[in-house]
Amino acid sequence: MANNQKETMELTDDILAVTMKIRDRYPELYQHLGETPFLPPANNEGIEPSDLKEYLNTIRSQLKNYKKVQSSISLIRKQFK
């Protein structure tokens, strides 16, 4: 298997794993994941690993930020109890 194909498969697996984690643990975030669609390159030359890396980084960032916001909300709620 070519290195590029292997990297593409690994990135696809990582994207799936993050997506499933979001779906299973953060369904309210998962509902909005469709607002961050994977858009193939405009040049029609095919999807490159760099495109997949960019998308993976985007959804990881969304998850990280969501968790941070949820943590802050929890702290605020505790202060008002």
Foldseek 3Di string as FASTA:
>chain_A
DDPFVVLVVVLVVLQVVLLVCCVVPPVVVNVCVVVLDQDADPVPPDRGSVSSVVSSVVSVVVVVVVVVVVVVVVVVVVVVD
